[in-house]
Amino acid sequence: MSANRAVWGRVRSRLRAFPEHLAAWAAQAAAYGRCVQASTAPGGRLSKDLCARGFEALRCCFAAAAKKTLKGGLLGGALSTALTPIC
């Protein structure tokens, strides 16, 4: 049972840091949101890869944050190098 608590403790600490990370990604999140909103507005047409550039920028932010939180943790550097952003 104590191993289960340790896992949830790590998960909770990562989730608590998420709002801080999201605030740092405000520009990327807003750009992606504007693209999707414009595409789904009346007269707009949402299609595959229309907002891919904005999505990729936001995905890179998430990958960078995942790399930071996993570095030195239970999974160590092996998984964190696999999540290195490609941007």
PDB file of N, CA and C in Angstrom:
ATOM      1  N   MET A   1       0.817  -1.198   0.000  1.00  0.00           N
ATOM      2  CA  MET A   1       0.000   0.000   0.000  1.00  0.00           C
ATOM      3  C   MET A   1       0.857   1.257   0.000  1.00  0.00           C
ATOM      4  N   SER A   2       2.019   1.225   0.639  1.00  0.00           N
ATOM      5  CA  SER A   2       2.863   2.414   0.694  1.00  0.00           C
ATOM      6  C   SER A   2       3.447   2.747  -0.684  1.00  0.00           C
ATOM      7  N   ALA A   3       3.689   1.727  -1.523  1.00  0.00           N
ATOM      8  CA  ALA A   3       4.178   1.988  -2.879  1.00  0.00           C
ATOM      9  C   ALA A   3       3.136   2.747  -3.677  1.00  0.00           C
ATOM     10  N   ASN A   4       1.881   2.391  -3.474  1.00  0.00           N
ATOM     11  CA  ASN A   4       0.785   3.076  -4.164  1.00  0.00           C
ATOM     12  C   ASN A   4       0.734   4.546  -3.747  1.00  0.00           C
ATOM     13  N   ARG A   5       0.933   4.824  -2.472  1.00  0.00           N
ATOM     14  CA  ARG A   5       0.949   6.212  -1.994  1.00  0.00           C
ATOM     15  C   ARG A   5       2.104   6.993  -2.594  1.00  0.00           C
ATOM     16  N   ALA A   6       3.247   6.340  -2.751  1.00  0.00           N
ATOM     17  CA  ALA A   6       4.415   7.014  -3.329  1.00  0.00           C
ATOM     18  C   ALA A   6       4.144   7.418  -4.779  1.00  0.00           C
ATOM     19  N   VAL A   7       3.507   6.522  -5.521  1.00  0.00           N
ATOM     20  CA  VAL A   7       3.175   6.828  -6.916  1.00  0.00           C
ATOM     21  C   VAL A   7       2.213   8.004  -6.974  1.00  0.00           C
ATOM     22  N   TRP A   8       1.155   7.974  -6.173  1.00  0.00           N
ATOM     23  CA  TRP A   8       0.175   9.062  -6.190  1.00  0.00           C
ATOM     24  C   TRP A   8       0.783  10.363  -5.691  1.00  0.00           C
ATOM     25  N   GLY A   9       1.744  10.289  -4.811  1.00  0.00           N
ATOM     26  CA  GLY A   9       2.429  11.494  -4.349  1.00  0.00           C
ATOM     27  C   GLY A   9       3.176  12.174  -5.489  1.00  0.00           C
ATOM     28  N   ARG A  10       3.849  11.377  -6.323  1.00  0.00           N
ATOM     29  CA  ARG A  10       4.553  11.935  -7.486  1.00  0.00           C
ATOM     30  C   ARG A  10       3.568  12.506  -8.497  1.00  0.00           C
ATOM     31  N   VAL A  11       2.478  11.806  -8.721  1.00  0.00           N
ATOM     32  CA  VAL A  11       1.471  12.279  -9.674  1.00  0.00           C
ATOM     33  C   VAL A  11       0.868  13.597  -9.196  1.00  0.00           C
ATOM     34  N   ARG A  12       0.533  13.674  -7.929  1.00  0.00           N
ATOM     35  CA  ARG A  12      -0.045  14.914  -7.382  1.00  0.00           C
ATOM     36  C   ARG A  12       0.921  16.083  -7.506  1.00  0.00           C
ATOM     37  N   SER A  13       2.203  15.846  -7.272  1.00  0.00           N
ATOM     38  CA  SER A  13       3.168  16.945  -7.373  1.00  0.00           C
ATOM     39  C   SER A  13       3.273  17.439  -8.811  1.00  0.00           C
ATOM     40  N   ARG A  14       3.197  16.539  -9.776  1.00  0.00           N
ATOM     41  CA  ARG A  14       3.223  16.966 -11.181  1.00  0.00           C
ATOM     42  C   ARG A  14       1.970  17.741 -11.540  1.00  0.00           C
ATOM     43  N   LEU A  15       0.825  17.276 -11.060  1.00  0.00           N
ATOM     44  CA  LEU A  15      -0.429  17.970 -11.366  1.00  0.00           C
ATOM     45  C   LEU A  15      -0.479  19.346 -10.717  1.00  0.00           C
ATOM     46  N   ARG A  16       0.097  19.483  -9.542  1.00  0.00           N
ATOM     47  CA  ARG A  16       0.125  20.800  -8.882  1.00  0.00           C
ATOM     48  C   ARG A  16       0.972  21.798  -9.660  1.00  0.00           C
ATOM     49  N   ALA A  17       1.982  21.330 -10.351  1.00  0.00           N
ATOM     50  CA  ALA A  17       2.850  22.214 -11.132  1.00  0.00           C
ATOM     51  C   ALA A  17       2.232  22.596 -12.472  1.00  0.00           C
ATOM     52  N   PHE A  18       1.186  21.890 -12.901  1.00  0.00           N
ATOM     53  CA  PHE A  18       0.605  22.126 -14.213  1.00  0.00           C
ATOM     54  C   PHE A  18       0.108  23.556 -14.423  1.00  0.00           C
ATOM     55  N   PRO A  19      -0.605  24.190 -13.492  1.00  0.00           N
ATOM     56  CA  PRO A  19      -1.047  25.574 -13.728  1.00  0.00           C
ATOM     57  C   PRO A  19       0.114  26.535 -13.968  1.00  0.00           C
ATOM     58  N   GLU A  20       1.221  26.334 -13.284  1.00  0.00           N
ATOM     59  CA  GLU A  20       2.386  27.188 -13.505  1.00  0.00           C
ATOM     60  C   GLU A  20       2.933  26.997 -14.916  1.00  0.00           C
ATOM     61  N   HIS A  21       2.998  25.748 -15.351  1.00  0.00           N
ATOM     62  CA  HIS A  21       3.469  25.475 -16.702  1.00  0.00           C
ATOM     63  C   HIS A  21       2.519  26.081 -17.724  1.00  0.00           C
ATOM     64  N   LEU A  22       1.222  25.899 -17.504  1.00  0.00           N
ATOM     65  CA  LEU A  22       0.232  26.411 -18.447  1.00  0.00           C
ATOM     66  C   LEU A  22       0.316  27.924 -18.558  1.00  0.00           C
ATOM     67  N   ALA A  23       0.572  28.604 -17.469  1.00  0.00           N
ATOM     68  CA  ALA A  23       0.719  30.058 -17.510  1.00  0.00           C
ATOM     69  C   ALA A  23       1.922  30.444 -18.366  1.00  0.00           C
ATOM     70  N   ALA A  24       2.965  29.644 -18.329  1.00  0.00           N
ATOM     71  CA  ALA A  24       4.149  29.930 -19.130  1.00  0.00           C
ATOM     72  C   ALA A  24       3.897  29.676 -20.614  1.00  0.00           C
ATOM     73  N   TRP A  25       2.900  28.856 -20.929  1.00  0.00           N
ATOM     74  CA  TRP A  25       2.591  28.521 -22.315  1.00  0.00           C
ATOM     75  C   TRP A  25       1.406  29.310 -22.845  1.00  0.00           C
ATOM     76  N   ALA A  26       1.093  30.427 -22.218  1.00  0.00           N
ATOM     77  CA  ALA A  26      -0.105  31.188 -22.577  1.00  0.00           C
ATOM     78  C   ALA A  26      -0.122  31.576 -24.051  1.00  0.00           C
ATOM     79  N   ALA A  27       0.994  31.992 -24.583  1.00  0.00           N
ATOM     80  CA  ALA A  27       1.037  32.428 -25.983  1.00  0.00           C
ATOM     81  C   ALA A  27       0.738  31.270 -26.935  1.00  0.00           C
ATOM     82  N   GLN A  28       1.336  30.106 -26.671  1.00  0.00           N
ATOM     83  CA  GLN A  28       1.118  28.953 -27.534  1.00  0.00           C
ATOM     84  C   GLN A  28      -0.322  28.448 -27.424  1.00  0.00           C
ATOM     85  N   ALA A  29      -0.833  28.387 -26.201  1.00  0.00           N
ATOM     86  CA  ALA A  29      -2.210  27.919 -25.995  1.00  0.00           C
ATOM     87  C   ALA A  29      -3.204  28.880 -26.646  1.00  0.00           C
ATOM     88  N   ALA A  30      -2.964  30.177 -26.517  1.00  0.00           N
ATOM     89  CA  ALA A  30      -3.870  31.166 -27.101  1.00  0.00           C
ATOM     90  C   ALA A  30      -3.843  31.108 -28.625  1.00  0.00           C
ATOM     91  N   ALA A  31      -2.674  30.949 -29.215  1.00  0.00           N
ATOM     92  CA  ALA A  31      -2.565  30.872 -30.677  1.00  0.00           C
ATOM     93  C   ALA A  31      -3.312  29.654 -31.210  1.00  0.00           C
ATOM     94  N   TYR A  32      -3.137  28.520 -30.562  1.00  0.00           N
ATOM     95  CA  TYR A  32      -3.837  27.301 -30.987  1.00  0.00           C
ATOM     96  C   TYR A  32      -5.345  27.465 -30.799  1.00  0.00           C
ATOM     97  N   GLY A  33      -5.739  28.027 -29.676  1.00  0.00           N
ATOM     98  CA  GLY A  33      -7.165  28.248 -29.412  1.00  0.00           C
ATOM     99  C   GLY A  33      -7.799  29.189 -30.423  1.00  0.00           C
ATOM    100  N   ARG A  34      -7.101  30.263 -30.789  1.00  0.00           N
ATOM    101  CA  ARG A  34      -7.622  31.193 -31.802  1.00  0.00           C
ATOM    102  C   ARG A  34      -7.810  30.499 -33.141  1.00  0.00           C
ATOM    103  N   CYS A  35      -6.866  29.651 -33.511  1.00  0.00           N
ATOM    104  CA  CYS A  35      -6.959  28.929 -34.776  1.00  0.00           C
ATOM    105  C   CYS A  35      -8.178  28.010 -34.787  1.00  0.00           C
ATOM    106  N   VAL A  36      -8.347  27.248 -33.730  1.00  0.00           N
ATOM    107  CA  VAL A  36      -9.485  26.328 -33.652  1.00  0.00           C
ATOM    108  C   VAL A  36     -10.798  27.109 -33.609  1.00  0.00           C
ATOM    109  N   GLN A  37     -10.827  28.191 -32.843  1.00  0.00           N
ATOM    110  CA  GLN A  37     -12.043  28.994 -32.751  1.00  0.00           C
ATOM    111  C   GLN A  37     -12.413  29.584 -34.109  1.00  0.00           C
ATOM    112  N   ALA A  38     -11.447  30.114 -34.818  1.00  0.00           N
ATOM    113  CA  ALA A  38     -11.718  30.695 -36.130  1.00  0.00           C
ATOM    114  C   ALA A  38     -12.192  29.633 -37.117  1.00  0.00           C
ATOM    115  N   SER A  39     -11.667  28.434 -36.973  1.00  0.00           N
ATOM    116  CA  SER A  39     -12.034  27.353 -37.883  1.00  0.00           C
ATOM    117  C   SER A  39     -13.435  26.830 -37.622  1.00  0.00           C
ATOM    118  N   THR A  40     -13.888  26.932 -36.392  1.00  0.00           N
ATOM    119  CA  THR A  40     -15.194  26.387 -36.046  1.00  0.00           C
ATOM    120  C   THR A  40     -16.273  27.458 -35.965  1.00  0.00           C
ATOM    121  N   ALA A  41     -15.913  28.706 -36.201  1.00  0.00           N
ATOM    122  CA  ALA A  41     -16.898  29.794 -36.195  1.00  0.00           C
ATOM    123  C   ALA A  41     -17.818  29.628 -37.409  1.00  0.00           C
ATOM    124  N   PRO A  42     -18.977  30.282 -37.382  1.00  0.00           N
ATOM    125  CA  PRO A  42     -19.863  30.205 -38.549  1.00  0.00           C
ATOM    126  C   PRO A  42     -19.117  30.620 -39.819  1.00  0.00           C
ATOM    127  N   GLY A  43     -19.185  29.792 -40.806  1.00  0.00           N
ATOM    128  CA  GLY A  43     -18.486  30.061 -42.060  1.00  0.00           C
ATOM    129  C   GLY A  43     -17.096  29.462 -42.103  1.00  0.00           C
ATOM    130  N   GLY A  44     -16.562  29.060 -40.977  1.00  0.00           N
ATOM    131  CA  GLY A  44     -15.237  28.444 -40.931  1.00  0.00           C
ATOM    132  C   GLY A  44     -15.337  26.957 -41.186  1.00  0.00           C
ATOM    133  N   ARG A  45     -14.239  26.373 -41.594  1.00  0.00           N
ATOM    134  CA  ARG A  45     -14.230  24.930 -41.853  1.00  0.00           C
ATOM    135  C   ARG A  45     -13.013  24.328 -41.178  1.00  0.00           C
ATOM    136  N   LEU A  46     -13.251  23.529 -40.177  1.00  0.00           N
ATOM    137  CA  LEU A  46     -12.173  22.843 -39.481  1.00  0.00           C
ATOM    138  C   LEU A  46     -11.790  21.616 -40.295  1.00  0.00           C
ATOM    139  N   SER A  47     -10.544  21.520 -40.646  1.00  0.00           N
ATOM    140  CA  SER A  47     -10.079  20.369 -41.402  1.00  0.00           C
ATOM    141  C   SER A  47      -8.765  19.875 -40.794  1.00  0.00           C
ATOM    142  N   LYS A  48      -8.413  18.678 -41.174  1.00  0.00           N
ATOM    143  CA  LYS A  48      -7.209  18.057 -40.642  1.00  0.00           C
ATOM    144  C   LYS A  48      -5.986  18.922 -40.937  1.00  0.00           C
ATOM    145  N   ASP A  49      -5.131  19.063 -39.953  1.00  0.00           N
ATOM    146  CA  ASP A  49      -3.857  19.784 -40.042  1.00  0.00           C
ATOM    147  C   ASP A  49      -3.996  21.287 -40.277  1.00  0.00           C
ATOM    148  N   LEU A  50      -5.196  21.836 -40.149  1.00  0.00           N
ATOM    149  CA  LEU A  50      -5.373  23.265 -40.328  1.00  0.00           C
ATOM    150  C   LEU A  50      -4.640  24.043 -39.237  1.00  0.00           C
ATOM    151  N   CYS A  51      -4.683  23.544 -38.009  1.00  0.00           N
ATOM    152  CA  CYS A  51      -4.041  24.207 -36.871  1.00  0.00           C
ATOM    153  C   CYS A  51      -2.822  23.424 -36.395  1.00  0.00           C
ATOM    154  N   ALA A  52      -2.210  22.681 -37.288  1.00  0.00           N
ATOM    155  CA  ALA A  52      -1.097  21.800 -36.911  1.00  0.00           C
ATOM    156  C   ALA A  52       0.094  22.569 -36.352  1.00  0.00           C
ATOM    157  N   ARG A  53       0.389  23.730 -36.906  1.00  0.00           N
ATOM    158  CA  ARG A  53       1.547  24.494 -36.429  1.00  0.00           C
ATOM    159  C   ARG A  53       1.339  24.933 -34.981  1.00  0.00           C
ATOM    160  N   GLY A  54       0.149  25.431 -34.652  1.00  0.00           N
ATOM    161  CA  GLY A  54      -0.149  25.839 -33.285  1.00  0.00           C
ATOM    162  C   GLY A  54      -0.166  24.655 -32.332  1.00  0.00           C
ATOM    163  N   PHE A  55      -0.721  23.540 -32.799  1.00  0.00           N
ATOM    164  CA  PHE A  55      -0.756  22.335 -31.976  1.00  0.00           C
ATOM    165  C   PHE A  55       0.655  21.838 -31.692  1.00  0.00           C
ATOM    166  N   GLU A  56       1.513  21.860 -32.698  1.00  0.00           N
ATOM    167  CA  GLU A  56       2.892  21.384 -32.526  1.00  0.00           C
ATOM    168  C   GLU A  56       3.648  22.248 -31.516  1.00  0.00           C
ATOM    169  N   ALA A  57       3.425  23.553 -31.567  1.00  0.00           N
ATOM    170  CA  ALA A  57       4.080  24.451 -30.607  1.00  0.00           C
ATOM    171  C   ALA A  57       3.627  24.131 -29.186  1.00  0.00           C
ATOM    172  N   LEU A  58       2.333  23.906 -28.999  1.00  0.00           N
ATOM    173  CA  LEU A  58       1.803  23.572 -27.674  1.00  0.00           C
ATOM    174  C   LEU A  58       2.283  22.193 -27.224  1.00  0.00           C
ATOM    175  N   ARG A  59       2.339  21.244 -28.144  1.00  0.00           N
ATOM    176  CA  ARG A  59       2.817  19.899 -27.816  1.00  0.00           C
ATOM    177  C   ARG A  59       4.280  19.950 -27.354  1.00  0.00           C
ATOM    178  N   CYS A  60       5.073  20.789 -27.988  1.00  0.00           N
ATOM    179  CA  CYS A  60       6.478  20.931 -27.587  1.00  0.00           C
ATOM    180  C   CYS A  60       6.579  21.453 -26.152  1.00  0.00           C
ATOM    181  N   CYS A  61       5.690  22.352 -25.781  1.00  0.00           N
ATOM    182  CA  CYS A  61       5.683  22.860 -24.408  1.00  0.00           C
ATOM    183  C   CYS A  61       5.380  21.734 -23.420  1.00  0.00           C
ATOM    184  N   PHE A  62       4.365  20.923 -23.747  1.00  0.00           N
ATOM    185  CA  PHE A  62       4.025  19.804 -22.874  1.00  0.00           C
ATOM    186  C   PHE A  62       5.175  18.816 -22.776  1.00  0.00           C
ATOM    187  N   ALA A  63       5.819  18.536 -23.895  1.00  0.00           N
ATOM    188  CA  ALA A  63       6.939  17.588 -23.884  1.00  0.00           C
ATOM    189  C   ALA A  63       8.098  18.119 -23.047  1.00  0.00           C
ATOM    190  N   ALA A  64       8.372  19.415 -23.158  1.00  0.00           N
ATOM    191  CA  ALA A  64       9.451  20.009 -22.371  1.00  0.00           C
ATOM    192  C   ALA A  64       9.136  19.938 -20.877  1.00  0.00           C
ATOM    193  N   ALA A  65       7.877  20.178 -20.515  1.00  0.00           N
ATOM    194  CA  ALA A  65       7.488  20.096 -19.105  1.00  0.00           C
ATOM    195  C   ALA A  65       7.566  18.665 -18.607  1.00  0.00           C
ATOM    196  N   ALA A  66       7.162  17.707 -19.440  1.00  0.00           N
ATOM    197  CA  ALA A  66       7.249  16.297 -19.049  1.00  0.00           C
ATOM    198  C   ALA A  66       8.698  15.908 -18.836  1.00  0.00           C
ATOM    199  N   LYS A  67       9.556  16.407 -19.679  1.00  0.00           N
ATOM    200  CA  LYS A  67      10.978  16.095 -19.543  1.00  0.00           C
ATOM    201  C   LYS A  67      11.522  16.633 -18.221  1.00  0.00           C
ATOM    202  N   LYS A  68      11.123  17.855 -17.862  1.00  0.00           N
ATOM    203  CA  LYS A  68      11.589  18.455 -16.612  1.00  0.00           C
ATOM    204  C   LYS A  68      11.097  17.676 -15.402  1.00  0.00           C
ATOM    205  N   THR A  69       9.828  17.255 -15.412  1.00  0.00           N
ATOM    206  CA  THR A  69       9.273  16.582 -14.237  1.00  0.00           C
ATOM    207  C   THR A  69       9.770  15.152 -14.118  1.00  0.00           C
ATOM    208  N   LEU A  70      10.102  14.518 -15.229  1.00  0.00           N
ATOM    209  CA  LEU A  70      10.571  13.135 -15.170  1.00  0.00           C
ATOM    210  C   LEU A  70      12.064  13.037 -14.891  1.00  0.00           C
ATOM    211  N   LYS A  71      12.801  14.075 -15.185  1.00  0.00           N
ATOM    212  CA  LYS A  71      14.253  14.044 -14.990  1.00  0.00           C
ATOM    213  C   LYS A  71      14.560  13.871 -13.504  1.00  0.00           C
ATOM    214  N   GLY A  72      15.324  12.868 -13.202  1.00  0.00           N
ATOM    215  CA  GLY A  72      15.709  12.634 -11.820  1.00  0.00           C
ATOM    216  C   GLY A  72      14.659  11.900 -11.007  1.00  0.00           C
ATOM    217  N   GLY A  73      13.510  11.616 -11.596  1.00  0.00           N
ATOM    218  CA  GLY A  73      12.459  10.897 -10.888  1.00  0.00           C
ATOM    219  C   GLY A  73      12.689   9.403 -10.964  1.00  0.00           C
ATOM    220  N   LEU A  74      11.651   8.653 -10.702  1.00  0.00           N
ATOM    221  CA  LEU A  74      11.736   7.199 -10.712  1.00  0.00           C
ATOM    222  C   LEU A  74      12.164   6.686 -12.081  1.00  0.00           C
ATOM    223  N   LEU A  75      11.688   7.329 -13.144  1.00  0.00           N
ATOM    224  CA  LEU A  75      12.005   6.859 -14.482  1.00  0.00           C
ATOM    225  C   LEU A  75      13.354   7.366 -14.959  1.00  0.00           C
ATOM    226  N   GLY A  76      13.865   8.391 -14.334  1.00  0.00           N
ATOM    227  CA  GLY A  76      15.186   8.886 -14.648  1.00  0.00           C
ATOM    228  C   GLY A  76      15.299   9.465 -16.034  1.00  0.00           C
ATOM    229  N   GLY A  77      16.504   9.480 -16.551  1.00  0.00           N
ATOM    230  CA  GLY A  77      16.769  10.122 -17.823  1.00  0.00           C
ATOM    231  C   GLY A  77      16.354   9.316 -19.039  1.00  0.00           C
ATOM    232  N   ALA A  78      16.134   8.009 -18.910  1.00  0.00           N
ATOM    233  CA  ALA A  78      15.823   7.197 -20.082  1.00  0.00           C
ATOM    234  C   ALA A  78      14.542   7.654 -20.759  1.00  0.00           C
ATOM    235  N   LEU A  79      13.478   7.819 -20.006  1.00  0.00           N
ATOM    236  CA  LEU A  79      12.220   8.242 -20.595  1.00  0.00           C
ATOM    237  C   LEU A  79      12.245   9.725 -20.912  1.00  0.00           C
ATOM    238  N   SER A  80      12.913  10.508 -20.110  1.00  0.00           N
ATOM    239  CA  SER A  80      12.915  11.944 -20.356  1.00  0.00           C
ATOM    240  C   SER A  80      13.618  12.281 -21.669  1.00  0.00           C
ATOM    241  N   THR A  81      14.618  11.503 -22.068  1.00  0.00           N
ATOM    242  CA  THR A  81      15.262  11.766 -23.356  1.00  0.00           C
ATOM    243  C   THR A  81      14.356  11.362 -24.499  1.00  0.00           C
ATOM    244  N   ALA A  82      13.487  10.378 -24.276  1.00  0.00           N
ATOM    245  CA  ALA A  82      12.540   9.981 -25.319  1.00  0.00           C
ATOM    246  C   ALA A  82      11.497  11.064 -25.552  1.00  0.00           C
ATOM    247  N   LEU A  83      11.262  11.941 -24.572  1.00  0.00           N
ATOM    248  CA  LEU A  83      10.261  12.976 -24.702  1.00  0.00           C
ATOM    249  C   LEU A  83      10.857  14.326 -25.100  1.00  0.00           C
ATOM    250  N   THR A  84      12.084  14.344 -25.544  1.00  0.00           N
ATOM    251  CA  THR A  84      12.720  15.591 -25.939  1.00  0.00           C
ATOM    252  C   THR A  84      11.927  16.222 -27.080  1.00  0.00           C
ATOM    253  N   PRO A  85      11.553  17.484 -26.942  1.00  0.00           N
ATOM    254  CA  PRO A  85      10.776  18.105 -27.996  1.00  0.00           C
ATOM    255  C   PRO A  85      11.590  18.234 -29.278  1.00  0.00           C
ATOM    256  N   ILE A  86      10.912  18.129 -30.412  1.00  0.00           N
ATOM    257  CA  ILE A  86      11.587  18.194 -31.700  1.00  0.00           C
ATOM    258  C   ILE A  86      11.456  19.576 -32.320  1.00  0.00           C
ATOM    259  N   CYS A  87      11.245  20.580 -31.513  1.00  0.00           N
ATOM    260  CA  CYS A  87      11.094  21.926 -32.064  1.00  0.00           C
ATOM    261  C   CYS A  87      12.209  22.829 -31.604  1.00  0.00           C
TER     262      CYS A  87
END
